[in-house]
Amino acid sequence: MNIRQGLCYLTLLTLPLSAHAIDTGPASAQQQETEGWLVLQSRNKAASAKPQSATATERELAMQRWLKKYRYEIPDFYDPDAGGKIEGKN
């Protein structure tokens, strides 16, 4: 192996070391607030002291609403012209 080839290999091996990852921490105020809420949720720090429960009627209505979505059958194919047209710039 000659010197030139060795330098090429060495350069290729050190290439990943020069790549920089994204800095840790939030990039914006919105992201910082979102991450704060996610930490609160994951650590269970913002849980309500009063447990929330649904009545039997509320559970039944939720189940009926969920089951209602299965009443409509899915067509074999969709009509591409049914949704209207998209006009592009020419």
Protein backbone atom coordinates (compact mmCIF):
# COMPACT_ATOMS: atom_id res chain seq x y z
CA MET A 1 0.00 0.00 0.00
CA ASN A 2 1.50 3.30 -0.97
CA ILE A 3 1.42 6.58 0.96
CA ARG A 4 -1.26 8.18 -1.22
CA GLN A 5 -3.63 5.25 -0.76
CA GLY A 6 -3.00 5.23 2.98
CA LEU A 7 -3.81 8.94 3.23
CA CYS A 8 -7.04 8.40 1.29
CA TYR A 9 -8.09 5.63 3.66
CA LEU A 10 -7.19 7.72 6.68
CA THR A 11 -9.18 10.66 5.33
CA LEU A 12 -12.19 8.45 4.66
CA LEU A 13 -12.00 6.96 8.15
CA THR A 14 -11.89 10.38 9.84
CA LEU A 15 -14.70 11.86 7.73
CA PRO A 16 -17.51 10.82 10.13
CA LEU A 17 -15.70 12.55 12.99
CA SER A 18 -16.02 15.89 11.25
CA ALA A 19 -19.81 15.63 10.91
CA HIS A 20 -21.71 17.57 13.56
CA ALA A 21 -25.04 16.49 14.96
CA ILE A 22 -27.87 18.89 15.67
CA ASP A 23 -27.34 20.74 18.91
CA THR A 24 -29.23 19.31 21.84
CA GLY A 25 -32.19 21.17 23.20
CA PRO A 26 -35.19 22.82 21.62
CA ALA A 27 -34.74 24.92 18.50
CA SER A 28 -37.62 27.31 19.18
CA ALA A 29 -39.79 28.56 22.01
CA GLN A 30 -42.71 26.46 20.76
CA GLN A 31 -40.58 23.33 20.70
CA GLN A 32 -39.28 24.10 24.19
CA GLU A 33 -42.83 24.40 25.52
CA THR A 34 -43.88 21.20 23.75
CA GLU A 35 -40.95 19.30 25.21
CA GLY A 36 -41.81 20.70 28.64
CA TRP A 37 -45.36 19.34 28.38
CA LEU A 38 -44.06 15.97 27.19
CA VAL A 39 -41.73 15.77 30.20
CA LEU A 40 -44.62 16.62 32.55
CA GLN A 41 -46.74 13.89 30.98
CA SER A 42 -44.01 11.26 31.02
CA ARG A 43 -43.20 11.94 34.68
CA ASN A 44 -46.89 12.13 35.64
CA LYS A 45 -46.33 15.52 37.32
CA ALA A 46 -49.42 17.28 35.93
CA ALA A 47 -52.00 14.60 36.65
CA SER A 48 -55.34 15.67 38.02
CA ALA A 49 -56.00 14.90 41.66
CA LYS A 50 -59.61 14.15 40.75
CA PRO A 51 -59.95 10.95 38.71
CA GLN A 52 -62.11 11.33 35.63
CA SER A 53 -64.57 8.64 34.72
CA ALA A 54 -67.35 8.31 32.20
CA THR A 55 -70.87 7.30 33.07
CA ALA A 56 -72.43 4.21 31.53
CA THR A 57 -74.47 6.44 29.20
CA GLU A 58 -71.37 8.31 28.03
CA ARG A 59 -69.52 5.06 27.39
CA GLU A 60 -72.49 3.69 25.43
CA LEU A 61 -72.74 6.83 23.28
CA ALA A 62 -69.02 6.71 22.57
CA MET A 63 -69.29 3.05 21.56
CA GLN A 64 -72.24 3.78 19.26
CA ARG A 65 -70.34 6.64 17.62
CA TRP A 66 -67.34 4.36 17.12
CA LEU A 67 -69.44 1.53 15.66
CA LYS A 68 -71.29 3.92 13.33
CA LYS A 69 -68.19 4.37 11.18
CA TYR A 70 -68.40 0.71 10.11
CA ARG A 71 -71.86 1.10 8.52
CA TYR A 72 -70.48 2.46 5.26
CA GLU A 73 -68.85 0.00 2.93
CA ILE A 74 -65.61 0.85 1.21
CA PRO A 75 -66.05 0.98 -2.57
CA ASP A 76 -63.91 -1.24 -4.81
CA PHE A 77 -62.48 1.83 -6.49
CA TYR A 78 -62.80 5.56 -6.23
CA ASP A 79 -63.98 7.78 -9.04
CA PRO A 80 -61.07 10.14 -9.75
CA ASP A 81 -63.39 12.72 -11.33
CA ALA A 82 -65.73 12.90 -8.33
CA GLY A 83 -63.48 15.21 -6.33
CA GLY A 84 -63.22 18.10 -8.77
CA LYS A 85 -60.30 19.42 -10.73
CA ILE A 86 -57.01 21.04 -9.93
CA GLU A 87 -55.99 23.83 -12.23
CA GLY A 88 -52.28 24.37 -12.62
CA LYS A 89 -50.32 27.25 -14.06
CA ASN A 90 -49.39 26.84 -17.71
